[in-house]
N, C-alpha and C. Protein backbone atom coordinates (compact mmCIF):
# COMPACT_ATOMS: atom_id res chain seq x y z
N MET A 1 -177.98 -57.53 35.04
CA MET A 1 -177.20 -58.24 34.05
C MET A 1 -177.27 -59.74 34.31
N LYS A 2 -177.64 -60.49 33.30
CA LYS A 2 -177.81 -61.93 33.41
C LYS A 2 -176.45 -62.61 33.21
N PRO A 3 -176.10 -63.57 34.08
CA PRO A 3 -174.81 -64.24 33.92
C PRO A 3 -174.81 -65.12 32.66
N THR A 4 -173.62 -65.28 32.06
CA THR A 4 -173.48 -66.15 30.88
C THR A 4 -173.71 -67.60 31.29
N PRO A 5 -174.02 -68.46 30.32
CA PRO A 5 -174.25 -69.86 30.67
C PRO A 5 -173.02 -70.50 31.34
N HIS A 6 -171.84 -70.10 30.89
CA HIS A 6 -170.64 -70.69 31.49
C HIS A 6 -170.47 -70.23 32.94
N ALA A 7 -170.74 -68.97 33.20
CA ALA A 7 -170.65 -68.47 34.57
C ALA A 7 -171.67 -69.17 35.46
N ALA A 8 -172.88 -69.34 34.94
CA ALA A 8 -173.91 -70.03 35.71
C ALA A 8 -173.52 -71.48 35.97
N ALA A 9 -172.89 -72.11 34.97
CA ALA A 9 -172.48 -73.51 35.12
C ALA A 9 -171.40 -73.64 36.18
N TYR A 10 -170.43 -72.74 36.15
CA TYR A 10 -169.35 -72.82 37.15
C TYR A 10 -169.86 -72.47 38.54
N LYS A 11 -170.81 -71.53 38.62
CA LYS A 11 -171.41 -71.19 39.91
C LYS A 11 -172.12 -72.42 40.48
N PHE A 12 -172.85 -73.13 39.61
CA PHE A 12 -173.55 -74.34 40.03
C PHE A 12 -172.55 -75.42 40.45
N LEU A 13 -171.46 -75.56 39.68
CA LEU A 13 -170.46 -76.59 39.97
C LEU A 13 -169.82 -76.39 41.33
N TYR A 14 -169.52 -75.14 41.68
CA TYR A 14 -168.77 -74.89 42.90
C TYR A 14 -169.65 -74.61 44.11
N THR A 15 -170.97 -74.69 43.96
CA THR A 15 -171.84 -74.57 45.13
C THR A 15 -172.08 -75.95 45.71
N GLY A 16 -172.02 -76.03 46.99
CA GLY A 16 -172.25 -77.32 47.66
C GLY A 16 -171.14 -78.30 47.32
N ASP A 17 -171.54 -79.55 47.16
CA ASP A 17 -170.56 -80.60 46.85
C ASP A 17 -170.72 -81.10 45.41
N HIS A 18 -171.19 -80.26 44.52
CA HIS A 18 -171.44 -80.66 43.14
C HIS A 18 -170.14 -81.06 42.41
N GLU A 19 -169.02 -80.47 42.84
CA GLU A 19 -167.75 -80.80 42.18
C GLU A 19 -167.36 -82.26 42.42
N MET A 20 -167.99 -82.89 43.38
CA MET A 20 -167.68 -84.29 43.69
C MET A 20 -167.97 -85.21 42.50
N ILE A 21 -168.88 -84.82 41.61
CA ILE A 21 -169.16 -85.68 40.46
C ILE A 21 -167.94 -85.80 39.56
N LEU A 22 -167.12 -84.75 39.51
CA LEU A 22 -165.90 -84.81 38.70
C LEU A 22 -164.91 -85.81 39.29
N TYR A 23 -164.73 -85.76 40.60
CA TYR A 23 -163.82 -86.70 41.27
C TYR A 23 -164.34 -88.13 41.16
N ALA A 24 -165.66 -88.27 41.29
CA ALA A 24 -166.25 -89.61 41.17
C ALA A 24 -166.08 -90.16 39.75
N THR A 25 -166.19 -89.29 38.77
CA THR A 25 -166.01 -89.72 37.37
C THR A 25 -164.58 -90.18 37.14
N LEU A 26 -163.62 -89.42 37.63
CA LEU A 26 -162.21 -89.82 37.49
C LEU A 26 -161.93 -91.13 38.22
N LYS A 27 -162.52 -91.28 39.39
CA LYS A 27 -162.35 -92.53 40.14
C LYS A 27 -162.93 -93.70 39.37
N ARG A 28 -164.08 -93.48 38.76
CA ARG A 28 -164.73 -94.54 37.97
C ARG A 28 -163.88 -94.92 36.76
N LEU A 29 -163.12 -93.97 36.23
CA LEU A 29 -162.22 -94.23 35.10
C LEU A 29 -160.86 -94.77 35.56
N HIS A 30 -160.73 -95.00 36.87
CA HIS A 30 -159.48 -95.50 37.47
C HIS A 30 -158.33 -94.52 37.30
N ILE A 31 -158.66 -93.25 37.34
CA ILE A 31 -157.65 -92.20 37.31
C ILE A 31 -157.59 -91.63 38.72
N ARG A 32 -156.57 -92.03 39.46
CA ARG A 32 -156.41 -91.63 40.86
C ARG A 32 -155.48 -90.41 40.93
N PRO A 33 -155.43 -89.75 42.07
CA PRO A 33 -154.53 -88.59 42.21
C PRO A 33 -153.06 -88.91 41.95
N ALA A 34 -152.65 -90.16 42.09
CA ALA A 34 -151.26 -90.53 41.81
C ALA A 34 -150.99 -90.69 40.31
N HIS A 35 -152.03 -90.72 39.51
CA HIS A 35 -151.88 -90.86 38.06
C HIS A 35 -151.15 -89.64 37.51
N PRO A 36 -150.20 -89.84 36.60
CA PRO A 36 -149.43 -88.68 36.11
C PRO A 36 -150.27 -87.62 35.39
N ASP A 37 -151.40 -88.00 34.81
CA ASP A 37 -152.24 -87.06 34.08
C ASP A 37 -153.52 -86.71 34.84
N TYR A 38 -153.55 -86.95 36.14
CA TYR A 38 -154.76 -86.72 36.93
C TYR A 38 -155.24 -85.28 36.81
N GLU A 39 -154.35 -84.33 36.99
CA GLU A 39 -154.74 -82.91 36.94
C GLU A 39 -155.24 -82.52 35.55
N ASP A 40 -154.65 -83.10 34.51
CA ASP A 40 -155.10 -82.80 33.15
C ASP A 40 -156.54 -83.28 32.92
N TYR A 41 -156.82 -84.50 33.37
CA TYR A 41 -158.17 -85.03 33.19
C TYR A 41 -159.18 -84.29 34.07
N LEU A 42 -158.76 -83.88 35.26
CA LEU A 42 -159.65 -83.11 36.13
C LEU A 42 -159.97 -81.76 35.48
N GLN A 43 -158.97 -81.13 34.90
CA GLN A 43 -159.20 -79.85 34.23
C GLN A 43 -160.09 -80.04 33.00
N GLU A 44 -159.88 -81.13 32.28
CA GLU A 44 -160.73 -81.43 31.13
C GLU A 44 -162.18 -81.61 31.57
N ALA A 45 -162.39 -82.28 32.70
CA ALA A 45 -163.75 -82.47 33.22
C ALA A 45 -164.37 -81.13 33.58
N ARG A 46 -163.56 -80.25 34.18
CA ARG A 46 -164.08 -78.92 34.54
C ARG A 46 -164.46 -78.12 33.29
N LEU A 47 -163.69 -78.29 32.22
CA LEU A 47 -163.99 -77.58 30.98
C LEU A 47 -165.23 -78.15 30.27
N LEU A 48 -165.47 -79.43 30.45
CA LEU A 48 -166.64 -80.06 29.84
C LEU A 48 -167.94 -79.69 30.55
N PHE A 49 -167.84 -79.38 31.83
CA PHE A 49 -169.04 -79.15 32.63
C PHE A 49 -169.96 -78.07 32.06
N PRO A 50 -169.47 -76.89 31.66
CA PRO A 50 -170.39 -75.88 31.12
C PRO A 50 -171.12 -76.33 29.86
N GLU A 51 -170.43 -77.11 29.01
CA GLU A 51 -171.08 -77.61 27.80
C GLU A 51 -172.24 -78.55 28.15
N VAL A 52 -172.01 -79.39 29.14
CA VAL A 52 -173.06 -80.31 29.59
C VAL A 52 -174.20 -79.53 30.24
N TYR A 53 -173.84 -78.51 30.96
CA TYR A 53 -174.83 -77.64 31.62
C TYR A 53 -175.77 -77.02 30.58
N VAL A 54 -175.20 -76.53 29.49
CA VAL A 54 -175.99 -75.90 28.44
C VAL A 54 -176.81 -76.94 27.68
N ASP A 55 -176.27 -78.15 27.48
CA ASP A 55 -176.95 -79.19 26.71
C ASP A 55 -178.10 -79.86 27.47
N PHE A 56 -178.16 -79.69 28.80
CA PHE A 56 -179.20 -80.36 29.58
C PHE A 56 -180.57 -79.87 29.11
N PRO A 57 -181.49 -80.80 28.80
CA PRO A 57 -182.78 -80.39 28.22
C PRO A 57 -183.66 -79.57 29.16
N ASP A 58 -183.53 -79.75 30.46
CA ASP A 58 -184.34 -78.99 31.43
C ASP A 58 -183.47 -77.94 32.10
N ASN A 59 -184.04 -77.29 33.07
CA ASN A 59 -183.31 -76.29 33.85
C ASN A 59 -182.49 -77.02 34.92
N PRO A 60 -181.16 -76.96 34.86
CA PRO A 60 -180.33 -77.65 35.85
C PRO A 60 -180.59 -77.17 37.28
N GLU A 61 -180.95 -75.91 37.42
CA GLU A 61 -181.22 -75.37 38.77
C GLU A 61 -182.50 -75.96 39.36
N ALA A 62 -183.46 -76.25 38.49
CA ALA A 62 -184.74 -76.78 38.96
C ALA A 62 -184.65 -78.28 39.26
N LYS A 63 -183.81 -79.01 38.52
CA LYS A 63 -183.68 -80.46 38.72
C LYS A 63 -182.20 -80.81 38.94
N PRO A 64 -181.65 -80.44 40.08
CA PRO A 64 -180.21 -80.62 40.28
C PRO A 64 -179.78 -82.09 40.33
N HIS A 65 -180.57 -82.95 40.92
CA HIS A 65 -180.19 -84.37 41.02
C HIS A 65 -180.15 -85.04 39.64
N GLN A 66 -181.19 -84.77 38.84
CA GLN A 66 -181.20 -85.34 37.49
C GLN A 66 -180.05 -84.77 36.65
N PHE A 67 -179.82 -83.45 36.82
CA PHE A 67 -178.73 -82.85 36.06
C PHE A 67 -177.37 -83.42 36.46
N LEU A 68 -177.13 -83.60 37.73
CA LEU A 68 -175.83 -84.12 38.17
C LEU A 68 -175.60 -85.55 37.65
N ALA A 69 -176.64 -86.36 37.64
CA ALA A 69 -176.52 -87.71 37.08
C ALA A 69 -176.24 -87.63 35.58
N TYR A 70 -176.96 -86.74 34.91
CA TYR A 70 -176.76 -86.53 33.47
C TYR A 70 -175.33 -86.03 33.19
N ALA A 71 -174.88 -85.06 33.97
CA ALA A 71 -173.55 -84.47 33.78
C ALA A 71 -172.46 -85.51 34.03
N GLN A 72 -172.62 -86.30 35.06
CA GLN A 72 -171.59 -87.31 35.35
C GLN A 72 -171.49 -88.32 34.20
N ARG A 73 -172.62 -88.73 33.68
CA ARG A 73 -172.61 -89.69 32.57
C ARG A 73 -171.96 -89.08 31.32
N LYS A 74 -172.32 -87.85 30.97
CA LYS A 74 -171.76 -87.19 29.78
C LYS A 74 -170.25 -86.95 29.93
N ILE A 75 -169.84 -86.51 31.10
CA ILE A 75 -168.41 -86.26 31.34
C ILE A 75 -167.65 -87.57 31.33
N TYR A 76 -168.25 -88.61 31.91
CA TYR A 76 -167.62 -89.93 31.90
C TYR A 76 -167.32 -90.39 30.47
N TRP A 77 -168.32 -90.29 29.59
CA TRP A 77 -168.13 -90.75 28.21
C TRP A 77 -167.12 -89.89 27.46
N ALA A 78 -167.14 -88.60 27.70
CA ALA A 78 -166.19 -87.71 27.02
C ALA A 78 -164.75 -88.00 27.48
N LEU A 79 -164.57 -88.18 28.78
CA LEU A 79 -163.23 -88.48 29.29
C LEU A 79 -162.77 -89.88 28.88
N LEU A 80 -163.71 -90.81 28.82
CA LEU A 80 -163.35 -92.16 28.37
C LEU A 80 -162.86 -92.13 26.93
N ASP A 81 -163.53 -91.36 26.09
CA ASP A 81 -163.07 -91.22 24.70
C ASP A 81 -161.68 -90.61 24.65
N ARG A 82 -161.45 -89.58 25.45
CA ARG A 82 -160.12 -88.95 25.46
C ARG A 82 -159.07 -89.92 25.99
N LEU A 83 -159.41 -90.66 27.03
CA LEU A 83 -158.48 -91.63 27.60
C LEU A 83 -158.10 -92.68 26.57
N ARG A 84 -159.08 -93.18 25.84
CA ARG A 84 -158.80 -94.16 24.78
C ARG A 84 -157.93 -93.57 23.69
N ARG A 85 -158.23 -92.36 23.29
CA ARG A 85 -157.46 -91.68 22.26
C ARG A 85 -156.01 -91.48 22.73
N ASP A 86 -155.85 -91.06 24.00
CA ASP A 86 -154.50 -90.86 24.54
C ASP A 86 -153.73 -92.17 24.62
N ARG A 87 -154.38 -93.23 25.05
CA ARG A 87 -153.70 -94.54 25.13
C ARG A 87 -153.33 -95.05 23.75
N LYS A 88 -154.20 -94.86 22.80
CA LYS A 88 -153.91 -95.28 21.43
C LYS A 88 -152.70 -94.51 20.88
N GLN A 89 -152.67 -93.23 21.16
CA GLN A 89 -151.54 -92.40 20.72
C GLN A 89 -150.26 -92.85 21.40
N ASN A 90 -150.32 -93.14 22.69
CA ASN A 90 -149.13 -93.58 23.42
C ASN A 90 -148.66 -94.94 22.93
N ASP A 91 -149.59 -95.83 22.60
CA ASP A 91 -149.20 -97.15 22.09
C ASP A 91 -148.46 -97.04 20.77
N ARG A 92 -148.87 -96.09 19.94
CA ARG A 92 -148.18 -95.89 18.67
C ARG A 92 -146.78 -95.35 18.86
N GLN A 93 -146.56 -94.58 19.92
CA GLN A 93 -145.29 -93.92 20.13
C GLN A 93 -144.30 -94.76 20.92
N GLU A 94 -144.75 -95.82 21.58
CA GLU A 94 -143.85 -96.64 22.37
C GLU A 94 -142.82 -97.31 21.47
N ALA A 95 -141.61 -97.39 22.00
CA ALA A 95 -140.52 -97.98 21.23
C ALA A 95 -140.77 -99.47 21.00
N GLY A 96 -141.14 -100.19 22.03
CA GLY A 96 -141.46 -101.61 21.87
C GLY A 96 -140.23 -102.48 21.74
N ASP A 97 -140.48 -103.76 21.66
CA ASP A 97 -139.43 -104.76 21.54
C ASP A 97 -139.33 -105.17 20.09
N GLN A 98 -138.18 -104.94 19.49
CA GLN A 98 -137.98 -105.21 18.07
C GLN A 98 -137.57 -106.65 17.78
N THR A 99 -137.30 -107.47 18.80
CA THR A 99 -136.79 -108.82 18.55
C THR A 99 -137.80 -109.66 17.78
N GLU A 100 -139.08 -109.54 18.11
CA GLU A 100 -140.08 -110.34 17.41
C GLU A 100 -140.12 -109.97 15.92
N LEU A 101 -140.03 -108.69 15.63
CA LEU A 101 -140.02 -108.24 14.24
C LEU A 101 -138.79 -108.77 13.51
N LEU A 102 -137.65 -108.70 14.16
CA LEU A 102 -136.42 -109.16 13.52
C LEU A 102 -136.41 -110.67 13.32
N GLU A 103 -137.07 -111.40 14.21
CA GLU A 103 -137.14 -112.85 14.06
C GLU A 103 -138.07 -113.26 12.93
N THR A 104 -139.10 -112.46 12.65
CA THR A 104 -140.05 -112.82 11.60
C THR A 104 -139.58 -112.39 10.22
N VAL A 105 -138.64 -111.44 10.16
CA VAL A 105 -138.12 -111.01 8.86
C VAL A 105 -137.20 -112.09 8.33
N ALA A 106 -137.39 -112.45 7.09
CA ALA A 106 -136.58 -113.52 6.49
C ALA A 106 -135.14 -113.05 6.32
N SER A 107 -134.22 -114.00 6.50
CA SER A 107 -132.81 -113.68 6.30
C SER A 107 -132.52 -113.63 4.80
N ASP A 108 -131.34 -113.11 4.47
CA ASP A 108 -130.95 -113.03 3.06
C ASP A 108 -130.90 -114.41 2.42
N ALA A 109 -130.39 -115.40 3.17
CA ALA A 109 -130.30 -116.76 2.63
C ALA A 109 -131.70 -117.32 2.34
N ASP A 110 -132.65 -117.04 3.24
CA ASP A 110 -134.02 -117.52 3.04
C ASP A 110 -134.64 -116.87 1.81
N ILE A 111 -134.38 -115.59 1.62
CA ILE A 111 -134.94 -114.89 0.46
C ILE A 111 -134.35 -115.43 -0.83
N LEU A 112 -133.03 -115.62 -0.84
CA LEU A 112 -132.39 -116.18 -2.04
C LEU A 112 -132.87 -117.60 -2.30
N ASP A 113 -133.06 -118.37 -1.22
CA ASP A 113 -133.57 -119.73 -1.36
C ASP A 113 -134.98 -119.70 -1.94
N ALA A 114 -135.81 -118.77 -1.46
CA ALA A 114 -137.18 -118.66 -1.97
C ALA A 114 -137.18 -118.26 -3.44
N ILE A 115 -136.30 -117.34 -3.81
CA ILE A 115 -136.20 -116.94 -5.21
C ILE A 115 -135.76 -118.12 -6.06
N GLY A 116 -134.77 -118.87 -5.55
CA GLY A 116 -134.31 -120.06 -6.28
C GLY A 116 -135.40 -121.09 -6.43
N GLN A 117 -136.17 -121.32 -5.37
CA GLN A 117 -137.27 -122.27 -5.43
C GLN A 117 -138.32 -121.80 -6.43
N GLN A 118 -138.61 -120.52 -6.44
CA GLN A 118 -139.60 -120.00 -7.36
C GLN A 118 -139.15 -120.20 -8.81
N ASP A 119 -137.86 -119.90 -9.08
CA ASP A 119 -137.33 -120.12 -10.43
C ASP A 119 -137.38 -121.59 -10.80
N PHE A 120 -137.02 -122.46 -9.85
CA PHE A 120 -137.04 -123.89 -10.10
C PHE A 120 -138.46 -124.37 -10.36
N ARG A 121 -139.43 -123.85 -9.62
CA ARG A 121 -140.83 -124.23 -9.83
C ARG A 121 -141.29 -123.82 -11.24
N ARG A 122 -140.93 -122.61 -11.65
CA ARG A 122 -141.29 -122.17 -13.00
C ARG A 122 -140.66 -123.08 -14.05
N TYR A 123 -139.40 -123.46 -13.82
CA TYR A 123 -138.72 -124.33 -14.77
C TYR A 123 -139.42 -125.69 -14.86
N LEU A 124 -139.79 -126.25 -13.69
CA LEU A 124 -140.49 -127.54 -13.69
C LEU A 124 -141.83 -127.43 -14.41
N LEU A 125 -142.55 -126.36 -14.15
CA LEU A 125 -143.85 -126.19 -14.81
C LEU A 125 -143.67 -126.06 -16.33
N ARG A 126 -142.60 -125.40 -16.75
CA ARG A 126 -142.35 -125.26 -18.18
C ARG A 126 -142.00 -126.63 -18.81
N VAL A 127 -141.17 -127.42 -18.12
CA VAL A 127 -140.77 -128.74 -18.64
C VAL A 127 -141.98 -129.65 -18.76
N ILE A 128 -142.77 -129.75 -17.71
CA ILE A 128 -143.92 -130.66 -17.70
C ILE A 128 -145.02 -130.11 -18.61
N GLY A 129 -145.16 -128.80 -18.66
CA GLY A 129 -146.18 -128.21 -19.51
C GLY A 129 -145.92 -128.51 -20.98
N ALA A 130 -144.66 -128.65 -21.33
CA ALA A 130 -144.33 -128.91 -22.73
C ALA A 130 -144.50 -130.36 -23.12
N SER A 131 -144.18 -131.28 -22.21
CA SER A 131 -144.18 -132.69 -22.63
C SER A 131 -144.85 -133.64 -21.64
N GLY A 132 -145.34 -133.16 -20.51
CA GLY A 132 -145.90 -134.06 -19.51
C GLY A 132 -147.34 -134.43 -19.77
N SER A 133 -147.78 -135.45 -19.05
CA SER A 133 -149.18 -135.87 -19.16
C SER A 133 -150.05 -134.99 -18.27
N THR A 134 -151.35 -135.13 -18.42
CA THR A 134 -152.29 -134.35 -17.61
C THR A 134 -152.13 -134.68 -16.14
N GLY A 135 -151.94 -135.95 -15.81
CA GLY A 135 -151.75 -136.36 -14.42
C GLY A 135 -150.50 -135.76 -13.81
N GLU A 136 -149.40 -135.78 -14.59
CA GLU A 136 -148.16 -135.19 -14.09
C GLU A 136 -148.35 -133.69 -13.84
N TRP A 137 -149.04 -133.05 -14.77
CA TRP A 137 -149.32 -131.62 -14.64
C TRP A 137 -150.16 -131.35 -13.39
N ARG A 138 -151.19 -132.16 -13.18
CA ARG A 138 -152.05 -131.99 -12.01
C ARG A 138 -151.26 -132.17 -10.70
N PHE A 139 -150.39 -133.19 -10.69
CA PHE A 139 -149.59 -133.42 -9.49
C PHE A 139 -148.63 -132.26 -9.25
N LEU A 140 -147.96 -131.80 -10.29
CA LEU A 140 -146.99 -130.72 -10.14
C LEU A 140 -147.67 -129.42 -9.70
N VAL A 141 -148.74 -129.06 -10.33
CA VAL A 141 -149.46 -127.84 -9.95
C VAL A 141 -150.03 -127.98 -8.54
N GLY A 142 -150.58 -129.16 -8.23
CA GLY A 142 -151.15 -129.38 -6.90
C GLY A 142 -150.13 -129.26 -5.79
N THR A 143 -148.92 -129.77 -6.03
CA THR A 143 -147.91 -129.73 -4.96
C THR A 143 -147.15 -128.41 -4.95
N LEU A 144 -146.74 -127.91 -6.11
CA LEU A 144 -145.91 -126.71 -6.12
C LEU A 144 -146.70 -125.41 -6.03
N VAL A 145 -147.79 -125.33 -6.72
CA VAL A 145 -148.54 -124.08 -6.75
C VAL A 145 -149.57 -124.02 -5.63
N ASP A 146 -150.41 -125.06 -5.51
CA ASP A 146 -151.49 -125.04 -4.53
C ASP A 146 -151.10 -125.58 -3.17
N GLN A 147 -149.89 -126.17 -3.06
CA GLN A 147 -149.38 -126.71 -1.79
C GLN A 147 -150.33 -127.75 -1.18
N LEU A 148 -150.81 -128.68 -2.02
CA LEU A 148 -151.74 -129.70 -1.57
C LEU A 148 -150.99 -131.00 -1.26
N THR A 149 -151.58 -131.82 -0.40
CA THR A 149 -151.05 -133.15 -0.14
C THR A 149 -151.60 -134.10 -1.20
N ALA A 150 -151.06 -135.32 -1.22
CA ALA A 150 -151.53 -136.30 -2.19
C ALA A 150 -153.01 -136.61 -1.99
N ASP A 151 -153.46 -136.67 -0.74
CA ASP A 151 -154.87 -136.91 -0.46
C ASP A 151 -155.75 -135.79 -1.00
N GLU A 152 -155.30 -134.55 -0.84
CA GLU A 152 -156.09 -133.41 -1.31
C GLU A 152 -156.13 -133.37 -2.85
N ILE A 153 -155.02 -133.73 -3.49
CA ILE A 153 -155.00 -133.78 -4.95
C ILE A 153 -155.97 -134.85 -5.45
N ALA A 154 -155.96 -136.02 -4.79
CA ALA A 154 -156.86 -137.10 -5.18
C ALA A 154 -158.32 -136.67 -5.03
N ALA A 155 -158.63 -135.99 -3.92
CA ALA A 155 -160.00 -135.55 -3.69
C ALA A 155 -160.41 -134.48 -4.71
N ARG A 156 -159.49 -133.58 -5.04
CA ARG A 156 -159.80 -132.52 -5.99
C ARG A 156 -160.14 -133.06 -7.38
N HIS A 157 -159.41 -134.08 -7.83
CA HIS A 157 -159.58 -134.60 -9.18
C HIS A 157 -160.41 -135.88 -9.24
N GLY A 158 -160.88 -136.35 -8.09
CA GLY A 158 -161.76 -137.51 -8.05
C GLY A 158 -161.06 -138.81 -8.45
N VAL A 159 -159.81 -138.98 -8.05
CA VAL A 159 -159.06 -140.20 -8.35
C VAL A 159 -158.60 -140.82 -7.05
N SER A 160 -158.01 -142.01 -7.14
CA SER A 160 -157.52 -142.69 -5.94
C SER A 160 -156.12 -142.18 -5.57
N HIS A 161 -155.71 -142.56 -4.36
CA HIS A 161 -154.37 -142.20 -3.90
C HIS A 161 -153.31 -142.84 -4.79
N ASN A 162 -153.58 -144.08 -5.20
CA ASN A 162 -152.61 -144.79 -6.04
C ASN A 162 -152.39 -144.06 -7.36
N THR A 163 -153.45 -143.49 -7.92
CA THR A 163 -153.30 -142.74 -9.17
C THR A 163 -152.41 -141.52 -8.97
N VAL A 164 -152.59 -140.83 -7.86
CA VAL A 164 -151.76 -139.65 -7.59
C VAL A 164 -150.30 -140.07 -7.43
N TYR A 165 -150.07 -141.19 -6.73
CA TYR A 165 -148.68 -141.66 -6.57
C TYR A 165 -148.10 -142.12 -7.90
N LYS A 166 -148.95 -142.64 -8.79
CA LYS A 166 -148.49 -143.01 -10.14
C LYS A 166 -148.09 -141.76 -10.92
N TRP A 167 -148.88 -140.70 -10.80
CA TRP A 167 -148.53 -139.43 -11.46
C TRP A 167 -147.18 -138.94 -10.94
N ARG A 168 -146.96 -139.08 -9.64
CA ARG A 168 -145.70 -138.63 -9.06
C ARG A 168 -144.53 -139.45 -9.60
N ARG A 169 -144.69 -140.80 -9.67
CA ARG A 169 -143.61 -141.66 -10.18
C ARG A 169 -143.26 -141.31 -11.63
N THR A 170 -144.28 -141.13 -12.46
CA THR A 170 -143.99 -140.81 -13.87
C THR A 170 -143.38 -139.41 -13.99
N LEU A 171 -143.79 -138.51 -13.15
CA LEU A 171 -143.19 -137.17 -13.16
C LEU A 171 -141.71 -137.25 -12.76
N ILE A 172 -141.41 -138.00 -11.73
CA ILE A 172 -140.01 -138.13 -11.30
C ILE A 172 -139.17 -138.77 -12.40
N ARG A 173 -139.69 -139.80 -13.03
CA ARG A 173 -138.95 -140.45 -14.14
C ARG A 173 -138.69 -139.45 -15.27
N ARG A 174 -139.72 -138.70 -15.63
CA ARG A 174 -139.57 -137.72 -16.72
C ARG A 174 -138.51 -136.68 -16.34
N LEU A 175 -138.56 -136.19 -15.11
CA LEU A 175 -137.59 -135.17 -14.70
C LEU A 175 -136.17 -135.73 -14.63
N VAL A 176 -136.02 -136.96 -14.14
CA VAL A 176 -134.68 -137.57 -14.10
C VAL A 176 -134.15 -137.73 -15.52
N ASN A 177 -134.98 -138.18 -16.43
CA ASN A 177 -134.54 -138.33 -17.82
C ASN A 177 -134.23 -136.98 -18.47
N HIS A 178 -135.01 -135.97 -18.14
CA HIS A 178 -134.82 -134.66 -18.76
C HIS A 178 -133.65 -133.90 -18.14
N LEU A 179 -133.50 -133.98 -16.81
CA LEU A 179 -132.47 -133.21 -16.13
C LEU A 179 -131.11 -133.88 -16.10
N THR A 180 -131.06 -135.21 -16.21
CA THR A 180 -129.79 -135.92 -16.12
C THR A 180 -129.47 -136.54 -17.47
N PRO A 181 -128.39 -136.07 -18.10
CA PRO A 181 -127.99 -136.70 -19.37
C PRO A 181 -127.58 -138.15 -19.13
N PRO A 182 -127.87 -139.06 -20.06
CA PRO A 182 -127.59 -140.48 -19.87
C PRO A 182 -126.10 -140.77 -19.57
N GLU A 183 -125.20 -140.03 -20.15
CA GLU A 183 -123.77 -140.31 -19.92
C GLU A 183 -123.30 -139.96 -18.52
N ASN A 184 -124.01 -139.07 -17.80
CA ASN A 184 -123.63 -138.68 -16.45
C ASN A 184 -124.56 -139.23 -15.38
N PHE A 185 -125.41 -140.17 -15.73
CA PHE A 185 -126.45 -140.62 -14.81
C PHE A 185 -125.87 -141.27 -13.55
N LEU A 186 -124.87 -142.12 -13.69
CA LEU A 186 -124.32 -142.83 -12.53
C LEU A 186 -123.14 -142.12 -11.91
N ASN A 187 -122.65 -141.07 -12.47
CA ASN A 187 -121.48 -140.36 -11.91
C ASN A 187 -121.86 -139.38 -10.86
């Protein structure tokens, strides 16, 4: 009766010091006996060995040194993949520090302020869109929508800095006249 490939693989593994490749592989992966999952990874390596034994292109019994080098490399890569997968899974499950998340979440006041600013921006665009000049429109869109500086607005439209500041002055005058009734201007 011919032994099964798995039986032959385990017989080969436990003859001589062949099992040392498993310990060397774990050591190379920095998994020491004090590691909490050491026994699990060692057992995984033992389970992988027969598969590697069967996959070896030549006869492992005829070329034991080449096979052991091949087996150690294959087991190393398989365990490394499992180790990465386990670490990734553990990273997802860790509770972590929530302070950074809470600091980056906007407060209610900030959200209401942003909503108010957005409404105000829409209102300004509607006012200038109805009666403003092209320069005022360019300045308003450049600053409120595109968040550009005066230099960037000038470069975008091919005008001087003074022209952009002139657009700003006329825009401010138009808004003061539109938003402030003449009878309440000084009060």
